[in-house]
Amino acid sequence: MVRGRWEAITTTTGIARKWVKSLAILMTWEIWKERNGRTFHRKEHSTVALMATIRSKANAWIRAGTKHLESLVSRE
């Protein structure tokens, strides 16, 4: 099931596939870190805070030169 979702993400047309993969990896990594924080440190963030963290990291990547992510992430 996960493989099917990954293939759906990476075969998206109209958007550069490598940038979609980068965003998917960033989101997965941040969700994994949240899971570890909850499991091992009893530290929990809200969904809104987690999404803000992901958006912030994506914007940092954009500032660092990953300009194509701008079409995938709304900058605020």
PDB file of N, CA and C in Angstrom:
ATOM      1  N   MET A   1       0.812  -1.190   0.000  1.00  0.00           N
ATOM      2  CA  MET A   1       0.000   0.000   0.000  1.00  0.00           C
ATOM      3  C   MET A   1       0.860   1.260   0.000  1.00  0.00           C
ATOM      4  N   VAL A   2       1.911   1.276   0.808  1.00  0.00           N
ATOM      5  CA  VAL A   2       2.808   2.435   0.849  1.00  0.00           C
ATOM      6  C   VAL A   2       3.478   2.606  -0.504  1.00  0.00           C
ATOM      7  N   ARG A   3       3.894   1.512  -1.109  1.00  0.00           N
ATOM      8  CA  ARG A   3       4.547   1.604  -2.414  1.00  0.00           C
ATOM      9  C   ARG A   3       3.620   2.244  -3.437  1.00  0.00           C
ATOM     10  N   GLY A   4       2.350   1.883  -3.421  1.00  0.00           N
ATOM     11  CA  GLY A   4       1.387   2.477  -4.338  1.00  0.00           C
ATOM     12  C   GLY A   4       1.267   3.976  -4.152  1.00  0.00           C
ATOM     13  N   ARG A   5       1.262   4.417  -2.904  1.00  0.00           N
ATOM     14  CA  ARG A   5       1.190   5.858  -2.633  1.00  0.00           C
ATOM     15  C   ARG A   5       2.448   6.563  -3.090  1.00  0.00           C
ATOM     16  N   TRP A   6       3.598   5.948  -2.835  1.00  0.00           N
ATOM     17  CA  TRP A   6       4.872   6.543  -3.266  1.00  0.00           C
ATOM     18  C   TRP A   6       4.915   6.662  -4.779  1.00  0.00           C
ATOM     19  N   GLU A   7       4.467   5.624  -5.482  1.00  0.00           N
ATOM     20  CA  GLU A   7       4.438   5.680  -6.940  1.00  0.00           C
ATOM     21  C   GLU A   7       3.489   6.769  -7.426  1.00  0.00           C
ATOM     22  N   ALA A   8       2.363   6.952  -6.757  1.00  0.00           N
ATOM     23  CA  ALA A   8       1.432   8.008  -7.129  1.00  0.00           C
ATOM     24  C   ALA A   8       2.071   9.382  -6.947  1.00  0.00           C
ATOM     25  N   ILE A   9       2.822   9.540  -5.877  1.00  0.00           N
ATOM     26  CA  ILE A   9       3.500  10.816  -5.621  1.00  0.00           C
ATOM     27  C   ILE A   9       4.576  11.073  -6.663  1.00  0.00           C
ATOM     28  N   THR A  10       5.354  10.054  -6.980  1.00  0.00           N
ATOM     29  CA  THR A  10       6.511  10.257  -7.849  1.00  0.00           C
ATOM     30  C   THR A  10       6.175  10.231  -9.327  1.00  0.00           C
ATOM     31  N   THR A  11       4.964   9.914  -9.693  1.00  0.00           N
ATOM     32  CA  THR A  11       4.597   9.932 -11.108  1.00  0.00           C
ATOM     33  C   THR A  11       3.670  11.093 -11.430  1.00  0.00           C
ATOM     34  N   THR A  12       3.592  12.051 -10.526  1.00  0.00           N
ATOM     35  CA  THR A  12       2.772  13.233 -10.735  1.00  0.00           C
ATOM     36  C   THR A  12       3.276  13.985 -11.957  1.00  0.00           C
ATOM     37  N   THR A  13       2.356  14.367 -12.827  1.00  0.00           N
ATOM     38  CA  THR A  13       2.758  15.115 -14.017  1.00  0.00           C
ATOM     39  C   THR A  13       2.626  16.608 -13.757  1.00  0.00           C
ATOM     40  N   GLY A  14       3.411  17.389 -14.489  1.00  0.00           N
ATOM     41  CA  GLY A  14       3.346  18.835 -14.368  1.00  0.00           C
ATOM     42  C   GLY A  14       4.229  19.408 -13.276  1.00  0.00           C
ATOM     43  N   ILE A  15       4.746  18.592 -12.427  1.00  0.00           N
ATOM     44  CA  ILE A  15       5.632  19.051 -11.355  1.00  0.00           C
ATOM     45  C   ILE A  15       6.889  18.184 -11.413  1.00  0.00           C
ATOM     46  N   ALA A  16       8.039  18.804 -11.262  1.00  0.00           N
ATOM     47  CA  ALA A  16       9.290  18.043 -11.293  1.00  0.00           C
ATOM     48  C   ALA A  16       9.265  16.958 -10.226  1.00  0.00           C
ATOM     49  N   ARG A  17       9.454  15.718 -10.651  1.00  0.00           N
ATOM     50  CA  ARG A  17       9.348  14.574  -9.743  1.00  0.00           C
ATOM     51  C   ARG A  17      10.322  14.641  -8.584  1.00  0.00           C
ATOM     52  N   LYS A  18      11.546  15.090  -8.828  1.00  0.00           N
ATOM     53  CA  LYS A  18      12.521  15.091  -7.731  1.00  0.00           C
ATOM     54  C   LYS A  18      12.129  16.069  -6.631  1.00  0.00           C
ATOM     55  N   TRP A  19      11.428  17.152  -6.962  1.00  0.00           N
ATOM     56  CA  TRP A  19      11.017  18.105  -5.944  1.00  0.00           C
ATOM     57  C   TRP A  19       9.862  17.549  -5.128  1.00  0.00           C
ATOM     58  N   VAL A  20       8.978  16.788  -5.784  1.00  0.00           N
ATOM     59  CA  VAL A  20       7.890  16.131  -5.061  1.00  0.00           C
ATOM     60  C   VAL A  20       8.475  15.101  -4.107  1.00  0.00           C
ATOM     61  N   LYS A  21       9.471  14.349  -4.588  1.00  0.00           N
ATOM     62  CA  LYS A  21      10.130  13.361  -3.719  1.00  0.00           C
ATOM     63  C   LYS A  21      10.798  14.049  -2.533  1.00  0.00           C
ATOM     64  N   SER A  22      11.461  15.178  -2.777  1.00  0.00           N
ATOM     65  CA  SER A  22      12.118  15.913  -1.687  1.00  0.00           C
ATOM     66  C   SER A  22      11.117  16.351  -0.637  1.00  0.00           C
ATOM     67  N   LEU A  23       9.983  16.880  -1.084  1.00  0.00           N
ATOM     68  CA  LEU A  23       8.965  17.314  -0.142  1.00  0.00           C
ATOM     69  C   LEU A  23       8.389  16.128   0.629  1.00  0.00           C
ATOM     70  N   ALA A  24       8.180  15.009  -0.053  1.00  0.00           N
ATOM     71  CA  ALA A  24       7.661  13.808   0.623  1.00  0.00           C
ATOM     72  C   ALA A  24       8.650  13.308   1.666  1.00  0.00           C
ATOM     73  N   ILE A  25       9.930  13.354   1.349  1.00  0.00           N
ATOM     74  CA  ILE A  25      10.953  12.924   2.306  1.00  0.00           C
ATOM     75  C   ILE A  25      10.994  13.867   3.503  1.00  0.00           C
ATOM     76  N   LEU A  26      10.923  15.172   3.263  1.00  0.00           N
ATOM     77  CA  LEU A  26      10.907  16.145   4.357  1.00  0.00           C
ATOM     78  C   LEU A  26       9.718  15.899   5.277  1.00  0.00           C
ATOM     79  N   MET A  27       8.541  15.702   4.711  1.00  0.00           N
ATOM     80  CA  MET A  27       7.349  15.477   5.516  1.00  0.00           C
ATOM     81  C   MET A  27       7.466  14.185   6.319  1.00  0.00           C
ATOM     82  N   THR A  28       7.940  13.132   5.668  1.00  0.00           N
ATOM     83  CA  THR A  28       8.103  11.844   6.353  1.00  0.00           C
ATOM     84  C   THR A  28       9.092  11.964   7.496  1.00  0.00           C
ATOM     85  N   TRP A  29      10.196  12.653   7.267  1.00  0.00           N
ATOM     86  CA  TRP A  29      11.218  12.830   8.301  1.00  0.00           C
ATOM     87  C   TRP A  29      10.656  13.586   9.513  1.00  0.00           C
ATOM     88  N   GLU A  30       9.927  14.660   9.269  1.00  0.00           N
ATOM     89  CA  GLU A  30       9.382  15.446  10.374  1.00  0.00           C
ATOM     90  C   GLU A  30       8.309  14.667  11.136  1.00  0.00           C
ATOM     91  N   ILE A  31       7.505  13.891  10.444  1.00  0.00           N
ATOM     92  CA  ILE A  31       6.510  13.052  11.122  1.00  0.00           C
ATOM     93  C   ILE A  31       7.210  11.984  11.947  1.00  0.00           C
ATOM     94  N   TRP A  32       8.283  11.408  11.417  1.00  0.00           N
ATOM     95  CA  TRP A  32       9.059  10.406  12.157  1.00  0.00           C
ATOM     96  C   TRP A  32       9.661  11.017  13.423  1.00  0.00           C
ATOM     97  N   LYS A  33      10.201  12.232  13.311  1.00  0.00           N
ATOM     98  CA  LYS A  33      10.769  12.896  14.486  1.00  0.00           C
ATOM     99  C   LYS A  33       9.694  13.181  15.529  1.00  0.00           C
ATOM    100  N   GLU A  34       8.506  13.570  15.084  1.00  0.00           N
ATOM    101  CA  GLU A  34       7.394  13.795  16.014  1.00  0.00           C
ATOM    102  C   GLU A  34       7.012  12.500  16.711  1.00  0.00           C
ATOM    103  N   ARG A  35       6.966  11.424  15.954  1.00  0.00           N
ATOM    104  CA  ARG A  35       6.646  10.109  16.525  1.00  0.00           C
ATOM    105  C   ARG A  35       7.668   9.720  17.587  1.00  0.00           C
ATOM    106  N   ASN A  36       8.939   9.928  17.290  1.00  0.00           N
ATOM    107  CA  ASN A  36       9.985   9.600  18.262  1.00  0.00           C
ATOM    108  C   ASN A  36       9.895  10.481  19.502  1.00  0.00           C
ATOM    109  N   GLY A  37       9.592  11.757  19.316  1.00  0.00           N
ATOM    110  CA  GLY A  37       9.431  12.646  20.462  1.00  0.00           C
ATOM    111  C   GLY A  37       8.306  12.192  21.374  1.00  0.00           C
ATOM    112  N   ARG A  38       7.207  11.766  20.767  1.00  0.00           N
ATOM    113  CA  ARG A  38       6.067  11.297  21.560  1.00  0.00           C
ATOM    114  C   ARG A  38       6.389   9.976  22.258  1.00  0.00           C
ATOM    115  N   THR A  39       7.078   9.087  21.547  1.00  0.00           N
ATOM    116  CA  THR A  39       7.347   7.749  22.072  1.00  0.00           C
ATOM    117  C   THR A  39       8.426   7.751  23.149  1.00  0.00           C
ATOM    118  N   PHE A  40       9.523   8.449  22.897  1.00  0.00           N
ATOM    119  CA  PHE A  40      10.683   8.340  23.772  1.00  0.00           C
ATOM    120  C   PHE A  40      10.860   9.503  24.744  1.00  0.00           C
ATOM    121  N   HIS A  41      10.281  10.649  24.441  1.00  0.00           N
ATOM    122  CA  HIS A  41      10.509  11.829  25.288  1.00  0.00           C
ATOM    123  C   HIS A  41       9.217  12.404  25.870  1.00  0.00           C
ATOM    124  N   ARG A  42       8.093  11.778  25.544  1.00  0.00           N
ATOM    125  CA  ARG A  42       6.779  12.256  26.000  1.00  0.00           C
ATOM    126  C   ARG A  42       6.587  13.737  25.689  1.00  0.00           C
ATOM    127  N   LYS A  43       7.046  14.119  24.505  1.00  0.00           N
ATOM    128  CA  LYS A  43       6.938  15.487  24.036  1.00  0.00           C
ATOM    129  C   LYS A  43       6.028  15.486  22.809  1.00  0.00           C
ATOM    130  N   GLU A  44       4.939  16.232  22.882  1.00  0.00           N
ATOM    131  CA  GLU A  44       3.931  16.180  21.830  1.00  0.00           C
ATOM    132  C   GLU A  44       3.626  17.575  21.301  1.00  0.00           C
ATOM    133  N   HIS A  45       3.597  17.693  19.969  1.00  0.00           N
ATOM    134  CA  HIS A  45       3.215  18.944  19.321  1.00  0.00           C
ATOM    135  C   HIS A  45       1.862  18.748  18.642  1.00  0.00           C
ATOM    136  N   SER A  46       1.146  19.822  18.469  1.00  0.00           N
ATOM    137  CA  SER A  46      -0.138  19.741  17.767  1.00  0.00           C
ATOM    138  C   SER A  46       0.109  19.516  16.270  1.00  0.00           C
ATOM    139  N   THR A  47      -0.926  19.107  15.587  1.00  0.00           N
ATOM    140  CA  THR A  47      -0.838  18.926  14.140  1.00  0.00           C
ATOM    141  C   THR A  47      -0.506  20.250  13.466  1.00  0.00           C
ATOM    142  N   VAL A  48      -1.090  21.318  13.947  1.00  0.00           N
ATOM    143  CA  VAL A  48      -0.826  22.651  13.386  1.00  0.00           C
ATOM    144  C   VAL A  48       0.652  23.009  13.561  1.00  0.00           C
ATOM    145  N   ALA A  49       1.215  22.725  14.720  1.00  0.00           N
ATOM    146  CA  ALA A  49       2.629  23.011  14.970  1.00  0.00           C
ATOM    147  C   ALA A  49       3.531  22.150  14.083  1.00  0.00           C
ATOM    148  N   LEU A  50       3.172  20.893  13.909  1.00  0.00           N
ATOM    149  CA  LEU A  50       3.955  20.010  13.041  1.00  0.00           C
ATOM    150  C   LEU A  50       3.935  20.519  11.601  1.00  0.00           C
ATOM    151  N   MET A  51       2.769  20.916  11.118  1.00  0.00           N
ATOM    152  CA  MET A  51       2.669  21.440   9.755  1.00  0.00           C
ATOM    153  C   MET A  51       3.451  22.745   9.609  1.00  0.00           C
ATOM    154  N   ALA A  52       3.448  23.571  10.645  1.00  0.00           N
ATOM    155  CA  ALA A  52       4.228  24.812  10.617  1.00  0.00           C
ATOM    156  C   ALA A  52       5.722  24.508  10.546  1.00  0.00           C
ATOM    157  N   THR A  53       6.160  23.488  11.255  1.00  0.00           N
ATOM    158  CA  THR A  53       7.565  23.073  11.205  1.00  0.00           C
ATOM    159  C   THR A  53       7.935  22.606   9.808  1.00  0.00           C
ATOM    160  N   ILE A  54       7.078  21.790   9.208  1.00  0.00           N
ATOM    161  CA  ILE A  54       7.334  21.295   7.850  1.00  0.00           C
ATOM    162  C   ILE A  54       7.396  22.459   6.870  1.00  0.00           C
ATOM    163  N   ARG A  55       6.457  23.387   6.972  1.00  0.00           N
ATOM    164  CA  ARG A  55       6.451  24.552   6.077  1.00  0.00           C
ATOM    165  C   ARG A  55       7.717  25.391   6.284  1.00  0.00           C
ATOM    166  N   SER A  56       8.115  25.572   7.532  1.00  0.00           N
ATOM    167  CA  SER A  56       9.315  26.349   7.833  1.00  0.00           C
ATOM    168  C   SER A  56      10.563  25.702   7.232  1.00  0.00           C
ATOM    169  N   LYS A  57      10.682  24.382   7.392  1.00  0.00           N
ATOM    170  CA  LYS A  57      11.840  23.675   6.830  1.00  0.00           C
ATOM    171  C   LYS A  57      11.825  23.740   5.300  1.00  0.00           C
ATOM    172  N   ALA A  58      10.652  23.592   4.698  1.00  0.00           N
ATOM    173  CA  ALA A  58      10.546  23.673   3.238  1.00  0.00           C
ATOM    174  C   ALA A  58      10.952  25.066   2.758  1.00  0.00           C
ATOM    175  N   ASN A  59      10.517  26.094   3.472  1.00  0.00           N
ATOM    176  CA  ASN A  59      10.911  27.460   3.104  1.00  0.00           C
ATOM    177  C   ASN A  59      12.413  27.677   3.264  1.00  0.00           C
ATOM    178  N   ALA A  60      13.019  27.041   4.257  1.00  0.00           N
ATOM    179  CA  ALA A  60      14.482  27.118   4.416  1.00  0.00           C
ATOM    180  C   ALA A  60      15.172  26.459   3.229  1.00  0.00           C
ATOM    181  N   TRP A  61      14.637  25.328   2.781  1.00  0.00           N
ATOM    182  CA  TRP A  61      15.188  24.659   1.605  1.00  0.00           C
ATOM    183  C   TRP A  61      15.066  25.559   0.376  1.00  0.00           C
ATOM    184  N   ILE A  62      13.941  26.257   0.249  1.00  0.00           N
ATOM    185  CA  ILE A  62      13.731  27.164  -0.885  1.00  0.00           C
ATOM    186  C   ILE A  62      14.760  28.287  -0.845  1.00  0.00           C
ATOM    187  N   ARG A  63      14.961  28.866   0.340  1.00  0.00           N
ATOM    188  CA  ARG A  63      15.967  29.936   0.474  1.00  0.00           C
ATOM    189  C   ARG A  63      17.375  29.437   0.179  1.00  0.00           C
ATOM    190  N   ALA A  64      17.607  28.143   0.432  1.00  0.00           N
ATOM    191  CA  ALA A  64      18.925  27.556   0.181  1.00  0.00           C
ATOM    192  C   ALA A  64      19.132  27.202  -1.288  1.00  0.00           C
ATOM    193  N   GLY A  65      18.088  27.361  -2.104  1.00  0.00           N
ATOM    194  CA  GLY A  65      18.278  27.142  -3.531  1.00  0.00           C
ATOM    195  C   GLY A  65      17.348  26.136  -4.178  1.00  0.00           C
ATOM    196  N   THR A  66      16.480  25.513  -3.426  1.00  0.00           N
ATOM    197  CA  THR A  66      15.556  24.531  -3.990  1.00  0.00           C
ATOM    198  C   THR A  66      14.312  25.280  -4.464  1.00  0.00           C
ATOM    199  N   LYS A  67      14.481  26.107  -5.477  1.00  0.00           N
ATOM    200  CA  LYS A  67      13.436  27.030  -5.913  1.00  0.00           C
ATOM    201  C   LYS A  67      12.176  26.336  -6.420  1.00  0.00           C
ATOM    202  N   HIS A  68      12.297  25.162  -6.991  1.00  0.00           N
ATOM    203  CA  HIS A  68      11.125  24.485  -7.546  1.00  0.00           C
ATOM    204  C   HIS A  68      10.123  24.050  -6.467  1.00  0.00           C
ATOM    205  N   LEU A  69      10.545  24.014  -5.212  1.00  0.00           N
ATOM    206  CA  LEU A  69       9.613  23.688  -4.143  1.00  0.00           C
ATOM    207  C   LEU A  69       8.576  24.785  -3.957  1.00  0.00           C
ATOM    208  N   GLU A  70       8.859  25.983  -4.447  1.00  0.00           N
ATOM    209  CA  GLU A  70       7.910  27.093  -4.293  1.00  0.00           C
ATOM    210  C   GLU A  70       6.551  26.768  -4.900  1.00  0.00           C
ATOM    211  N   SER A  71       6.537  25.985  -5.953  1.00  0.00           N
ATOM    212  CA  SER A  71       5.255  25.634  -6.584  1.00  0.00           C
ATOM    213  C   SER A  71       4.485  24.609  -5.756  1.00  0.00           C
ATOM    214  N   LEU A  72       5.152  23.950  -4.810  1.00  0.00           N
ATOM    215  CA  LEU A  72       4.511  22.934  -3.974  1.00  0.00           C
ATOM    216  C   LEU A  72       4.164  23.431  -2.589  1.00  0.00           C
ATOM    217  N   VAL A  73       4.829  24.488  -2.140  1.00  0.00           N
ATOM    218  CA  VAL A  73       4.667  24.977  -0.777  1.00  0.00           C
ATOM    219  C   VAL A  73       4.264  26.438  -0.830  1.00  0.00           C
ATOM    220  N   SER A  74       3.192  26.773  -0.149  1.00  0.00           N
ATOM    221  CA  SER A  74       2.805  28.186  -0.089  1.00  0.00           C
ATOM    222  C   SER A  74       3.707  28.891   0.914  1.00  0.00           C
ATOM    223  N   ARG A  75       4.303  29.970   0.499  1.00  0.00           N
ATOM    224  CA  ARG A  75       5.202  30.720   1.387  1.00  0.00           C
ATOM    225  C   ARG A  75       4.411  31.750   2.146  1.00  0.00           C
ATOM    226  N   GLU A  76       4.596  31.764   3.451  1.00  0.00           N
ATOM    227  CA  GLU A  76       3.897  32.740   4.299  1.00  0.00           C
ATOM    228  C   GLU A  76       4.855  33.449   5.192  1.00  0.00           C
TER     229      GLU A  76
END
